[in-house]
Structure formats: structure tokens, C-alpha cells
Amino acid sequence: MKREVIELPAKDPAEIPPQRRQLRVAAYCRVSTSLEAQQNSYEAQKEYYTDKILSNPDWTLAGIFSDKGISGTSVEKRDGFQRMIRWCQQGKIDLILTKSISRFARNTLDCLHYVRLLQQLNIPIIFESEGIDSSRMSNELILTLMGATSQAESEAISSRVKWGVRASFKEGNVRYCYKSWLGYRKGENGEPEIIPEEAAIVQQIFTAYLDGQSLRDIKALLESQKRLTKSGHEKWSISSINSILRNEKYTGDAKDVTDKGQD
């Protein structure tokens, strides 16, 4: 049989409808304290952005990046933020959503630095509260002013908190951070309670220092004896040993208001 070959003409590329790729959208949310009310806000932000992105047919969820209980003054301490930036540099994100400039960064220089970096990567940021889309900015004046305002707000809050702490100290009140305070825990009556095994480590540090040993020597001694830090690690840092030696609670310079007049 004679085979018949049918030649199909190639389609004109102009006639082929373009395939529209979904934008890979990420969101960044943050709360600055670990208080319960803030935690609720934190979870609400994550839920809001997850629903917002998934409900848009032109978007696909690239990730919800978040930090909680972390100061907003600098981005260096925010692991979630830094991971989001790395993903952007790796080409995994096309668009970023965030609640406001103050959530993104409260330091003006940091804010401008990362906005410029993301613009170079062609990744817009939408600041919802301010109604700003960084891809439509002809200049950075508005962002600079708003960033400066956010930074001033952060510094004002910090100043008020510090003032409150100082005022509390003047009244003789002492705040105890048991999470990082080696040798003590909060007792049933709300007062500090000694943890004998941890207290022995503190006494050893002070004794070694008074015997003339350097901080490096004390570090080596503690690690050779497998003494544990407050967080349960066998590795000690010189700075943590120095902090213990300088801690006003160990040296007796901090007393609760209830101790007044008893010395």
C-alpha cells in the first residue's frame, strides 16, 4: 500500500494563546512581643494572608514568613525575614504582601535597603495599610518619610518602656527573668527560689574568678566538667560568664521592695 503523508502546517506563534503563570506570592507578618494578645494577632495575620493569597486565581502561595517576640528596630534578628529575602534572591518569590511599613522594618535605612534590593530583583512589596505598591513608586520620598515615622514610633515606644522600668526600679521593684537566670526559679509564693545544682555552678564561677582565673579559664573548666548552661548546653560563652559575674542580682545590688529596711 502506498502510504499517504499528511503535512500539518506549523501554527503561527502569534495565534497560540500565552500561558499565564501564577504569581508566587509570599506574605510577611510580625508581632513585637510574646504577649497573648499579640500572639492572637500573629495567628490572625497568618490566616488572613493564607486566605487572601489562595483565594486569588492568579496567585500561588510561596510562603508565609513570620517573626514573633522579636524587636522590629533591626531586621538582623528576624530569622523569618532573612529567610524570605534569601528565597527572593533564589528566584522563589514574585510578590510580597505585608501589613505596613512598621511591620516590614522600623529602621529607615533597613527599609530602604531591602526595598531597593527587591526592586532590583523585580519583586514588588505591597504595604497594605499605607496603600503603597513599591513597583509603582517613581521616587522613594513617601517611603522614606513613612519609614522615618515608623522608626520614630518604635524609638518612642522603647523610650516609654525604659522610663517605666526605671520608675519601677526607683520604687524598689525588681524584675526577674527566670528563663535566663541561672540558679533560680520562681517559687510558689512568687519569690525567687534557689535551684541547688545551678547555684553550685554560679558559686564555682565566682570562686574561680576570685582565685584569679580568667574568663577563658573558667569557660574551659565548666566545659571540662560538662556543666550545663541555663539553656542546657555544655558549651559556654565568655560573654555569658562575664554577665553572671556582673549580674546585680548575684552581687546583692538588686533587692525587691519587700526587702526594704530588713538589712
Protein backbone atom coordinates (compact mmCIF):
# COMPACT_ATOMS: atom_id res chain seq x y z
CA MET A 1 0.00 0.00 0.00
CA LYS A 2 1.12 3.42 -0.79
CA ARG A 3 1.40 5.50 2.35
CA GLU A 4 -0.04 8.94 2.27
CA VAL A 5 1.85 11.56 4.24
CA ILE A 6 -0.20 14.45 5.50
CA GLU A 7 1.84 17.53 6.35
CA LEU A 8 0.41 19.68 9.14
CA PRO A 9 1.36 23.32 8.81
CA ALA A 10 3.11 24.87 11.83
CA LYS A 11 0.98 27.22 13.84
CA ASP A 12 1.84 30.85 13.90
CA PRO A 13 3.24 31.62 17.40
CA ALA A 14 1.11 34.75 17.43
CA GLU A 15 -2.01 32.58 17.26
CA ILE A 16 -1.03 30.48 20.30
CA PRO A 17 -2.54 31.95 23.48
CA PRO A 18 0.19 32.67 26.02
CA GLN A 19 0.32 30.51 29.13
CA ARG A 20 -0.24 32.79 32.10
CA ARG A 21 1.94 31.77 35.03
CA GLN A 22 0.59 32.31 38.51
CA LEU A 23 2.49 34.81 40.60
CA ARG A 24 4.31 33.23 43.52
CA VAL A 25 3.14 35.44 46.38
CA ALA A 26 4.63 35.49 49.88
CA ALA A 27 3.49 37.38 52.96
CA TYR A 28 5.48 38.71 55.88
CA CYS A 29 3.86 39.22 59.28
CA ARG A 30 5.34 40.07 62.65
CA VAL A 31 4.43 40.90 66.24
CA SER A 32 6.99 42.51 68.51
CA THR A 33 6.10 40.85 71.83
CA SER A 34 5.16 37.42 73.13
CA LEU A 35 2.05 38.61 74.97
CA GLU A 36 -1.10 36.52 74.45
CA ALA A 37 -2.93 39.36 72.71
CA GLN A 38 -0.04 39.76 70.30
CA GLN A 39 0.07 36.02 69.68
CA ASN A 40 -3.59 36.14 68.65
CA SER A 41 -2.76 38.96 66.24
CA TYR A 42 0.14 36.93 64.90
CA GLU A 43 -2.04 33.91 64.13
CA ALA A 44 -4.73 36.17 62.66
CA GLN A 45 -2.20 37.73 60.27
CA LYS A 46 -1.02 34.32 59.06
CA GLU A 47 -4.60 33.13 58.50
CA TYR A 48 -5.54 36.37 56.72
CA TYR A 49 -2.67 36.19 54.24
CA THR A 50 -3.09 32.47 53.60
CA ASP A 51 -6.77 33.02 52.68
CA LYS A 52 -6.03 36.16 50.66
CA ILE A 53 -3.38 34.51 48.50
CA LEU A 54 -5.16 31.20 47.97
CA SER A 55 -8.42 32.95 47.00
CA ASN A 56 -6.75 34.78 44.09
CA PRO A 57 -6.68 32.54 40.99
CA ASP A 58 -3.68 34.45 39.61
CA TRP A 59 -1.60 33.79 42.70
CA THR A 60 0.01 30.76 44.26
CA LEU A 61 1.23 30.67 47.86
CA ALA A 62 5.02 30.95 48.04
CA GLY A 63 5.06 31.01 51.83
CA ILE A 64 4.06 32.87 54.98
CA PHE A 65 7.20 34.25 56.61
CA SER A 66 6.88 35.47 60.15
CA ASP A 67 8.67 36.52 63.32
CA LYS A 68 7.23 36.89 66.80
CA GLY A 69 8.58 38.25 70.06
CA ILE A 70 11.38 39.95 68.11
CA SER A 71 12.25 43.64 68.13
CA GLY A 72 11.35 45.43 64.92
CA THR A 73 14.11 48.05 65.13
CA SER A 74 16.58 45.88 63.21
CA VAL A 75 15.94 43.08 60.70
CA GLU A 76 19.15 41.24 61.63
CA LYS A 77 17.46 39.34 64.48
CA ARG A 78 14.46 38.28 62.39
CA ASP A 79 15.08 34.79 61.03
CA GLY A 80 11.80 34.66 59.14
CA PHE A 81 12.52 37.95 57.38
CA GLN A 82 16.04 36.90 56.41
CA ARG A 83 14.79 33.57 55.06
CA MET A 84 12.21 35.41 52.94
CA ILE A 85 14.95 37.61 51.45
CA ARG A 86 17.06 34.53 50.64
CA TRP A 87 14.10 32.96 48.85
CA CYS A 88 13.68 36.15 46.83
CA GLN A 89 17.34 36.03 45.83
CA GLN A 90 16.89 32.37 44.84
CA GLY A 91 14.01 33.29 42.50
CA LYS A 92 11.26 31.60 44.52
CA ILE A 93 9.05 34.68 45.12
CA ASP A 94 7.42 37.16 42.71
CA LEU A 95 5.46 39.40 45.10
CA ILE A 96 5.46 40.20 48.83
CA LEU A 97 2.47 41.32 50.90
CA THR A 98 2.82 42.90 54.33
CA LYS A 99 0.52 44.79 56.66
CA SER A 100 2.51 48.00 56.94
CA ILE A 101 5.94 49.58 56.72
CA SER A 102 6.31 49.27 60.50
CA ARG A 103 5.72 45.50 60.23
CA PHE A 104 8.30 45.25 57.45
CA ALA A 105 11.01 47.35 59.12
CA ARG A 106 11.08 50.14 61.70
CA ASN A 107 14.58 51.24 60.76
CA THR A 108 14.52 53.65 57.80
CA LEU A 109 17.86 52.54 56.38
CA ASP A 110 16.89 48.87 56.57
CA CYS A 111 13.54 49.59 54.95
CA LEU A 112 15.08 51.45 52.01
CA HIS A 113 17.88 48.91 51.62
CA TYR A 114 15.53 45.95 51.26
CA VAL A 115 13.00 47.79 49.11
CA ARG A 116 15.82 48.71 46.71
CA LEU A 117 17.19 45.16 46.80
CA LEU A 118 13.79 43.70 45.96
CA GLN A 119 13.24 46.28 43.22
CA GLN A 120 16.50 45.13 41.61
CA LEU A 121 15.10 41.59 41.71
CA ASN A 122 11.80 42.87 40.20
CA ILE A 123 9.88 41.80 43.30
CA PRO A 124 7.26 44.37 44.40
CA ILE A 125 6.16 44.83 48.00
CA ILE A 126 2.60 45.84 48.79
CA PHE A 127 2.23 47.72 52.09
CA GLU A 128 -1.49 47.34 52.69
CA SER A 129 -2.08 49.91 55.44
CA GLU A 130 -0.33 52.69 53.52
CA GLY A 131 -1.66 51.56 50.14
CA ILE A 132 1.84 51.53 48.65
CA ASP A 133 3.00 49.25 45.84
CA SER A 134 6.78 49.57 45.57
CA SER A 135 6.67 48.74 41.83
CA ARG A 136 4.72 51.95 41.18
CA MET A 137 6.96 54.29 43.13
CA SER A 138 8.59 56.98 40.98
CA ASN A 139 10.74 58.03 43.92
CA GLU A 140 11.37 56.96 47.49
CA LEU A 141 10.32 60.15 49.25
CA ILE A 142 7.00 58.79 50.56
CA LEU A 143 8.58 55.56 51.73
CA THR A 144 11.44 57.46 53.38
CA LEU A 145 9.05 59.69 55.30
CA MET A 146 6.86 56.79 56.37
CA GLY A 147 9.87 54.70 57.30
CA ALA A 148 11.25 57.55 59.39
CA THR A 149 7.86 57.91 61.10
CA SER A 150 7.81 54.21 61.89
CA GLN A 151 11.33 54.37 63.27
CA ALA A 152 10.43 57.37 65.44
CA GLU A 153 7.36 55.49 66.70
CA SER A 154 9.49 52.47 67.61
CA GLU A 155 12.03 54.67 69.43
CA ALA A 156 9.24 56.47 71.31
CA ILE A 157 7.75 53.16 72.46
CA SER A 158 11.19 51.96 73.53
CA SER A 159 11.74 55.19 75.46
CA ARG A 160 8.41 54.81 77.29
CA VAL A 161 9.21 51.22 78.22
CA LYS A 162 12.63 52.19 79.53
CA TRP A 163 11.11 55.04 81.54
CA GLY A 164 8.64 52.61 83.09
CA VAL A 165 11.43 50.21 84.03
CA ARG A 166 13.48 53.00 85.62
CA ALA A 167 10.45 54.25 87.56
CA SER A 168 9.81 50.72 88.80
CA PHE A 169 13.44 50.41 89.90
CA LYS A 170 13.20 53.69 91.82
CA GLU A 171 10.29 52.18 93.75
CA GLY A 172 12.49 49.23 94.67
CA ASN A 173 10.76 46.74 92.38
CA VAL A 174 12.96 44.16 90.67
CA ARG A 175 12.04 42.18 87.58
CA TYR A 176 13.27 38.61 87.48
CA CYS A 177 13.80 36.87 84.15
CA TYR A 178 13.85 33.28 85.36
CA LYS A 179 14.31 31.89 81.86
CA SER A 180 17.90 33.16 81.71
CA TRP A 181 18.66 33.46 85.44
CA LEU A 182 20.97 30.60 86.38
CA GLY A 183 20.46 29.28 89.91
CA TYR A 184 16.90 30.43 90.50
CA ARG A 185 13.31 29.65 89.59
CA LYS A 186 10.01 31.26 90.54
CA GLY A 187 8.80 29.82 93.82
CA GLU A 188 5.22 29.04 94.80
CA ASN A 189 4.92 32.35 96.65
CA GLY A 190 6.15 34.26 93.59
CA GLU A 191 9.56 34.90 95.12
CA PRO A 192 12.89 33.59 93.75
CA GLU A 193 13.70 30.04 94.79
CA ILE A 194 17.21 28.58 94.68
CA ILE A 195 17.96 25.63 92.37
CA PRO A 196 20.81 23.91 94.30
CA GLU A 197 22.56 22.26 91.34
CA GLU A 198 22.54 25.52 89.34
CA ALA A 199 23.53 27.62 92.35
CA ALA A 200 26.63 25.42 92.72
CA ILE A 201 27.70 26.44 89.20
CA VAL A 202 27.27 30.13 89.99
CA GLN A 203 29.31 29.74 93.19
CA GLN A 204 32.00 27.90 91.25
CA ILE A 205 32.24 30.73 88.71
CA PHE A 206 32.62 33.39 91.39
CA THR A 207 35.13 31.30 93.37
CA ALA A 208 37.27 30.66 90.29
CA TYR A 209 37.21 34.34 89.37
CA LEU A 210 38.22 35.40 92.89
CA ASP A 211 41.06 32.87 92.72
CA GLY A 212 42.45 34.78 89.75
CA GLN A 213 41.26 32.60 86.86
CA SER A 214 40.46 34.34 83.59
CA LEU A 215 37.10 34.11 81.88
CA ARG A 216 38.65 31.81 79.30
CA ASP A 217 39.97 29.55 82.07
CA ILE A 218 36.54 29.43 83.72
CA LYS A 219 34.93 28.56 80.37
CA ALA A 220 37.37 25.67 79.89
CA LEU A 221 36.78 24.47 83.46
CA LEU A 222 32.99 24.44 83.13
CA GLU A 223 33.11 22.66 79.78
CA SER A 224 35.61 20.05 81.03
CA GLN A 225 33.22 19.25 83.89
CA LYS A 226 30.25 19.22 81.47
CA ARG A 227 28.46 21.89 83.50
CA LEU A 228 25.23 22.94 81.78
CA THR A 229 24.18 26.47 80.94
CA LYS A 230 20.67 27.71 81.80
CA SER A 231 19.52 26.56 78.37
CA GLY A 232 21.00 23.09 78.92
CA HIS A 233 24.11 23.35 76.71
CA GLU A 234 27.61 22.16 77.60
CA LYS A 235 29.27 24.94 75.58
CA TRP A 236 29.76 28.19 77.49
CA SER A 237 30.44 31.63 76.07
CA ILE A 238 32.80 34.10 77.68
CA SER A 239 30.12 36.79 77.46
CA SER A 240 27.63 34.69 79.45
CA ILE A 241 30.21 34.05 82.18
CA ASN A 242 31.00 37.76 82.28
CA SER A 243 27.27 38.55 82.54
CA ILE A 244 26.95 36.25 85.55
CA LEU A 245 29.86 37.96 87.30
CA ARG A 246 28.34 41.39 86.61
CA ASN A 247 24.73 40.44 87.40
CA GLU A 248 23.42 42.76 90.10
CA LYS A 249 21.15 40.03 91.47
CA TYR A 250 24.08 37.75 92.28
CA THR A 251 26.13 40.56 93.81
CA GLY A 252 23.24 41.73 96.00
CA ASP A 253 22.70 45.12 94.37
CA ALA A 254 19.12 44.33 93.36
CA LYS A 255 16.56 43.92 96.14
CA ASP A 256 12.82 43.59 95.95
CA VAL A 257 10.70 46.32 97.55
CA THR A 258 9.68 43.82 100.21
CA ASP A 259 13.30 43.70 101.40
CA LYS A 260 13.44 47.41 102.29
CA GLY A 261 14.50 48.08 105.83
CA GLN A 262 15.49 44.49 106.54
CA ASP A 263 19.28 44.97 106.18
